[in-house]
C-alpha atoms as a PDB file:
ATOM      1  CA  UNK A   1      -9.814  24.989  -0.382  1.00  0.00           C
ATOM      2  CA  UNK A   2      -7.107  24.263   2.201  1.00  0.00           C
ATOM      3  CA  UNK A   3      -7.586  25.463   5.774  1.00  0.00           C
ATOM      4  CA  UNK A   4      -5.906  25.462   9.195  1.00  0.00           C
ATOM      5  CA  UNK A   5      -7.133  24.381  12.585  1.00  0.00           C
ATOM      6  CA  UNK A   6      -5.632  25.387  15.892  1.00  0.00           C
ATOM      7  CA  UNK A   7      -4.519  22.761  18.444  1.00  0.00           C
ATOM      8  CA  UNK A   8      -3.225  23.338  21.948  1.00  0.00           C
ATOM      9  CA  UNK A   9      -0.563  20.801  22.938  1.00  0.00           C
ATOM     10  CA  UNK A  10      -0.319  19.154  26.357  1.00  0.00           C
ATOM     11  CA  UNK A  11       2.404  21.676  27.130  1.00  0.00           C
ATOM     12  CA  UNK A  12      -0.079  24.532  26.464  1.00  0.00           C
ATOM     13  CA  UNK A  13       1.632  25.717  23.260  1.00  0.00           C
ATOM     14  CA  UNK A  14      -0.521  26.534  20.313  1.00  0.00           C
ATOM     15  CA  UNK A  15       0.038  24.391  17.147  1.00  0.00           C
ATOM     16  CA  UNK A  16      -1.552  24.531  13.708  1.00  0.00           C
ATOM     17  CA  UNK A  17      -2.751  21.652  11.546  1.00  0.00           C
ATOM     18  CA  UNK A  18      -2.915  22.064   7.775  1.00  0.00           C
ATOM     19  CA  UNK A  19      -6.029  20.443   6.309  1.00  0.00           C
ATOM     20  CA  UNK A  20      -7.388  19.659   2.855  1.00  0.00           C
ATOM     21  CA  UNK A  21      -9.785  17.311   1.129  1.00  0.00           C
ATOM     22  CA  UNK A  22      -8.496  14.226  -0.695  1.00  0.00           C
ATOM     23  CA  UNK A  23      -9.827  13.204  -4.191  1.00  0.00           C
ATOM     24  CA  UNK A  24     -12.698  11.384  -2.494  1.00  0.00           C
ATOM     25  CA  UNK A  25     -13.747  14.430  -0.391  1.00  0.00           C
ATOM     26  CA  UNK A  26     -12.463  13.064   2.907  1.00  0.00           C
ATOM     27  CA  UNK A  27     -10.790  15.536   5.273  1.00  0.00           C
ATOM     28  CA  UNK A  28      -7.046  15.002   5.591  1.00  0.00           C
ATOM     29  CA  UNK A  29      -4.292  16.628   7.609  1.00  0.00           C
ATOM     30  CA  UNK A  30      -0.714  17.264   6.415  1.00  0.00           C
ATOM     31  CA  UNK A  31       0.741  17.566   9.871  1.00  0.00           C
ATOM     32  CA  UNK A  32       1.127  19.965  12.775  1.00  0.00           C
ATOM     33  CA  UNK A  33       3.230  23.118  12.465  1.00  0.00           C
ATOM     34  CA  UNK A  34       4.356  25.898  14.783  1.00  0.00           C
ATOM     35  CA  UNK A  35       2.843  28.600  12.623  1.00  0.00           C
ATOM     36  CA  UNK A  36      -0.412  29.234  10.781  1.00  0.00           C
ATOM     37  CA  UNK A  37       1.524  30.199   7.658  1.00  0.00           C
ATOM     38  CA  UNK A  38       3.584  26.924   7.545  1.00  0.00           C
ATOM     39  CA  UNK A  39       0.423  24.778   8.038  1.00  0.00           C
ATOM     40  CA  UNK A  40      -1.488  26.591   5.338  1.00  0.00           C
ATOM     41  CA  UNK A  41       1.464  26.362   2.943  1.00  0.00           C
ATOM     42  CA  UNK A  42       1.726  22.582   3.477  1.00  0.00           C
ATOM     43  CA  UNK A  43      -2.058  22.173   3.062  1.00  0.00           C
ATOM     44  CA  UNK A  44      -1.985  24.141  -0.148  1.00  0.00           C
ATOM     45  CA  UNK A  45       0.809  21.921  -1.524  1.00  0.00           C
ATOM     46  CA  UNK A  46      -1.199  18.821  -0.723  1.00  0.00           C
ATOM     47  CA  UNK A  47      -4.297  20.332  -2.298  1.00  0.00           C
ATOM     48  CA  UNK A  48      -2.272  21.173  -5.421  1.00  0.00           C
ATOM     49  CA  UNK A  49      -1.309  17.518  -5.686  1.00  0.00           C
ATOM     50  CA  UNK A  50      -4.968  16.530  -5.490  1.00  0.00           C
ATOM     51  CA  UNK A  51      -5.801  19.045  -8.221  1.00  0.00           C
ATOM     52  CA  UNK A  52      -3.066  17.923 -10.660  1.00  0.00           C
ATOM     53  CA  UNK A  53      -3.640  14.232 -10.075  1.00  0.00           C
ATOM     54  CA  UNK A  54      -0.300  13.436  -8.373  1.00  0.00           C
ATOM     55  CA  UNK A  55      -1.686  12.913  -4.828  1.00  0.00           C
ATOM     56  CA  UNK A  56      -0.910   9.564  -3.285  1.00  0.00           C
ATOM     57  CA  UNK A  57      -2.665   8.210  -0.167  1.00  0.00           C
ATOM     58  CA  UNK A  58       0.060   8.129   2.489  1.00  0.00           C
ATOM     59  CA  UNK A  59      -1.563   5.204   4.266  1.00  0.00           C
ATOM     60  CA  UNK A  60      -1.982   3.014   1.178  1.00  0.00           C
ATOM     61  CA  UNK A  61       1.263   1.162   1.550  1.00  0.00           C
ATOM     62  CA  UNK A  62       0.670   0.278   5.237  1.00  0.00           C
ATOM     63  CA  UNK A  63      -1.663  -2.602   4.565  1.00  0.00           C
ATOM     64  CA  UNK A  64       0.082  -5.940   4.896  1.00  0.00           C
ATOM     65  CA  UNK A  65       0.544  -8.387   2.020  1.00  0.00           C
ATOM     66  CA  UNK A  66      -1.729 -10.884   3.647  1.00  0.00           C
ATOM     67  CA  UNK A  67      -4.497  -8.322   4.250  1.00  0.00           C
ATOM     68  CA  UNK A  68      -4.337  -7.073   0.675  1.00  0.00           C
ATOM     69  CA  UNK A  69      -4.079 -10.514  -0.936  1.00  0.00           C
ATOM     70  CA  UNK A  70      -6.987 -11.982   0.997  1.00  0.00           C
ATOM     71  CA  UNK A  71      -9.280  -8.980   1.372  1.00  0.00           C
ATOM     72  CA  UNK A  72      -8.687  -6.974  -1.833  1.00  0.00           C
ATOM     73  CA  UNK A  73      -6.721  -8.889  -4.487  1.00  0.00           C
ATOM     74  CA  UNK A  74      -8.350 -12.379  -4.433  1.00  0.00           C
ATOM     75  CA  UNK A  75     -11.963 -11.216  -3.996  1.00  0.00           C
ATOM     76  CA  UNK A  76     -11.556  -8.836  -7.006  1.00  0.00           C
ATOM     77  CA  UNK A  77     -10.528 -11.731  -9.329  1.00  0.00           C
ATOM     78  CA  UNK A  78     -13.170 -13.380 -11.503  1.00  0.00           C
ATOM     79  CA  UNK A  79     -11.853 -16.909 -11.497  1.00  0.00           C
ATOM     80  CA  UNK A  80     -12.945 -20.452 -12.124  1.00  0.00           C
ATOM     81  CA  UNK A  81     -13.366 -22.487  -8.953  1.00  0.00           C
ATOM     82  CA  UNK A  82     -10.231 -24.602  -9.543  1.00  0.00           C
ATOM     83  CA  UNK A  83      -8.100 -21.541 -10.405  1.00  0.00           C
ATOM     84  CA  UNK A  84      -9.247 -19.785  -7.199  1.00  0.00           C
ATOM     85  CA  UNK A  85      -8.408 -22.913  -5.213  1.00  0.00           C
ATOM     86  CA  UNK A  86      -4.939 -22.932  -6.753  1.00  0.00           C
ATOM     87  CA  UNK A  87      -4.364 -19.276  -5.988  1.00  0.00           C
ATOM     88  CA  UNK A  88      -5.449 -19.831  -2.363  1.00  0.00           C
ATOM     89  CA  UNK A  89      -3.041 -22.697  -2.112  1.00  0.00           C
ATOM     90  CA  UNK A  90      -0.151 -20.611  -3.507  1.00  0.00           C
ATOM     91  CA  UNK A  91      -0.998 -17.844  -1.027  1.00  0.00           C
ATOM     92  CA  UNK A  92      -1.339 -20.167   1.970  1.00  0.00           C
ATOM     93  CA  UNK A  93       1.754 -22.319   1.271  1.00  0.00           C
ATOM     94  CA  UNK A  94       4.283 -20.021  -0.430  1.00  0.00           C
ATOM     95  CA  UNK A  95       3.454 -16.297  -0.298  1.00  0.00           C
ATOM     96  CA  UNK A  96       1.732 -15.521   3.011  1.00  0.00           C
ATOM     97  CA  UNK A  97       4.307 -17.295   5.224  1.00  0.00           C
ATOM     98  CA  UNK A  98       7.075 -15.163   3.642  1.00  0.00           C
ATOM     99  CA  UNK A  99       5.386 -11.876   2.663  1.00  0.00           C
ATOM    100  CA  UNK A 100       2.278 -11.939   4.846  1.00  0.00           C
ATOM    101  CA  UNK A 101       3.411  -9.691   7.659  1.00  0.00           C
ATOM    102  CA  UNK A 102       5.133  -7.131   5.405  1.00  0.00           C
ATOM    103  CA  UNK A 103       3.489  -3.783   4.550  1.00  0.00           C
ATOM    104  CA  UNK A 104       3.147  -3.542   0.761  1.00  0.00           C
ATOM    105  CA  UNK A 105       5.238  -0.386   0.663  1.00  0.00           C
ATOM    106  CA  UNK A 106       8.185  -2.359   2.077  1.00  0.00           C
ATOM    107  CA  UNK A 107       8.165  -5.176  -0.502  1.00  0.00           C
ATOM    108  CA  UNK A 108      10.906  -4.370  -3.057  1.00  0.00           C
ATOM    109  CA  UNK A 109      12.118  -6.373  -6.066  1.00  0.00           C
ATOM    110  CA  UNK A 110      15.034  -7.483  -3.899  1.00  0.00           C
ATOM    111  CA  UNK A 111      12.566  -8.920  -1.374  1.00  0.00           C
ATOM    112  CA  UNK A 112      10.903 -10.923  -4.128  1.00  0.00           C
ATOM    113  CA  UNK A 113      14.277 -12.097  -5.315  1.00  0.00           C
ATOM    114  CA  UNK A 114      15.099 -13.289  -1.774  1.00  0.00           C
ATOM    115  CA  UNK A 115      11.871 -15.334  -1.791  1.00  0.00           C
ATOM    116  CA  UNK A 116      12.749 -16.821  -5.169  1.00  0.00           C
ATOM    117  CA  UNK A 117      16.217 -17.791  -3.920  1.00  0.00           C
ATOM    118  CA  UNK A 118      14.720 -19.363  -0.772  1.00  0.00           C
ATOM    119  CA  UNK A 119      12.158 -21.242  -2.821  1.00  0.00           C
ATOM    120  CA  UNK A 120      14.868 -22.664  -5.101  1.00  0.00           C
ATOM    121  CA  UNK A 121      16.884 -23.672  -1.993  1.00  0.00           C
ATOM    122  CA  UNK A 122      13.842 -25.456  -0.695  1.00  0.00           C
ATOM    123  CA  UNK A 123      13.621 -27.477  -3.913  1.00  0.00           C
ATOM    124  CA  UNK A 124      10.879 -25.612  -5.784  1.00  0.00           C
ATOM    125  CA  UNK A 125      11.557 -25.877  -9.537  1.00  0.00           C
ATOM    126  CA  UNK A 126      12.180 -22.617 -11.458  1.00  0.00           C
ATOM    127  CA  UNK A 127       9.233 -23.416 -13.698  1.00  0.00           C
ATOM    128  CA  UNK A 128       6.923 -23.834 -10.640  1.00  0.00           C
ATOM    129  CA  UNK A 129       8.165 -20.536  -9.168  1.00  0.00           C
ATOM    130  CA  UNK A 130       7.395 -18.853 -12.497  1.00  0.00           C
ATOM    131  CA  UNK A 131       3.929 -20.382 -12.545  1.00  0.00           C
ATOM    132  CA  UNK A 132       3.199 -19.210  -8.977  1.00  0.00           C
ATOM    133  CA  UNK A 133       4.297 -15.682  -9.849  1.00  0.00           C
ATOM    134  CA  UNK A 134       2.040 -15.464 -12.908  1.00  0.00           C
ATOM    135  CA  UNK A 135      -1.280 -15.596 -10.912  1.00  0.00           C
ATOM    136  CA  UNK A 136      -1.935 -11.939 -11.631  1.00  0.00           C
ATOM    137  CA  UNK A 137      -3.385  -9.459 -14.115  1.00  0.00           C
ATOM    138  CA  UNK A 138      -1.254  -6.880 -15.906  1.00  0.00           C
ATOM    139  CA  UNK A 139      -3.120  -3.948 -14.249  1.00  0.00           C
ATOM    140  CA  UNK A 140      -2.717  -5.552 -10.858  1.00  0.00           C
ATOM    141  CA  UNK A 141      -0.985  -3.430  -8.094  1.00  0.00           C
ATOM    142  CA  UNK A 142       0.949  -6.564  -7.139  1.00  0.00           C
ATOM    143  CA  UNK A 143       2.369  -6.933 -10.620  1.00  0.00           C
ATOM    144  CA  UNK A 144       5.627  -5.102  -9.802  1.00  0.00           C
ATOM    145  CA  UNK A 145       6.146  -7.624  -7.026  1.00  0.00           C
ATOM    146  CA  UNK A 146       6.012 -10.484  -9.462  1.00  0.00           C
ATOM    147  CA  UNK A 147       2.859 -11.878  -7.855  1.00  0.00           C
END
């Protein structure tokens, strides 16, 4: 059940935060509003998204490519030693220098195409580029990126 908490700003004005629980039970806020009614309405909308399964974690896309690849993606792969070594090499040499600092939510197909064009300019063969971009699983979140 959504709820509202009161907050007093540094200017002394009373503000209201809409709150709800995400699918994992964690408390979330939908923002700060000037009225109780607006805050509750926003919290109820967010709660409705949780209930119908359309809720998305607003912070999920803020992790950088490098953090995701090294802390989430690679450790979740069940790979042979040589395959893992190859993937680490691809990440270290080709992907992290270009995509590493980028938040995942900001990497678009056009960004991947820019990398492909740069790799071709640097002399990487199209077949090699294709090989590097296949180190993934079909259900992988990085699949739309071509990684």
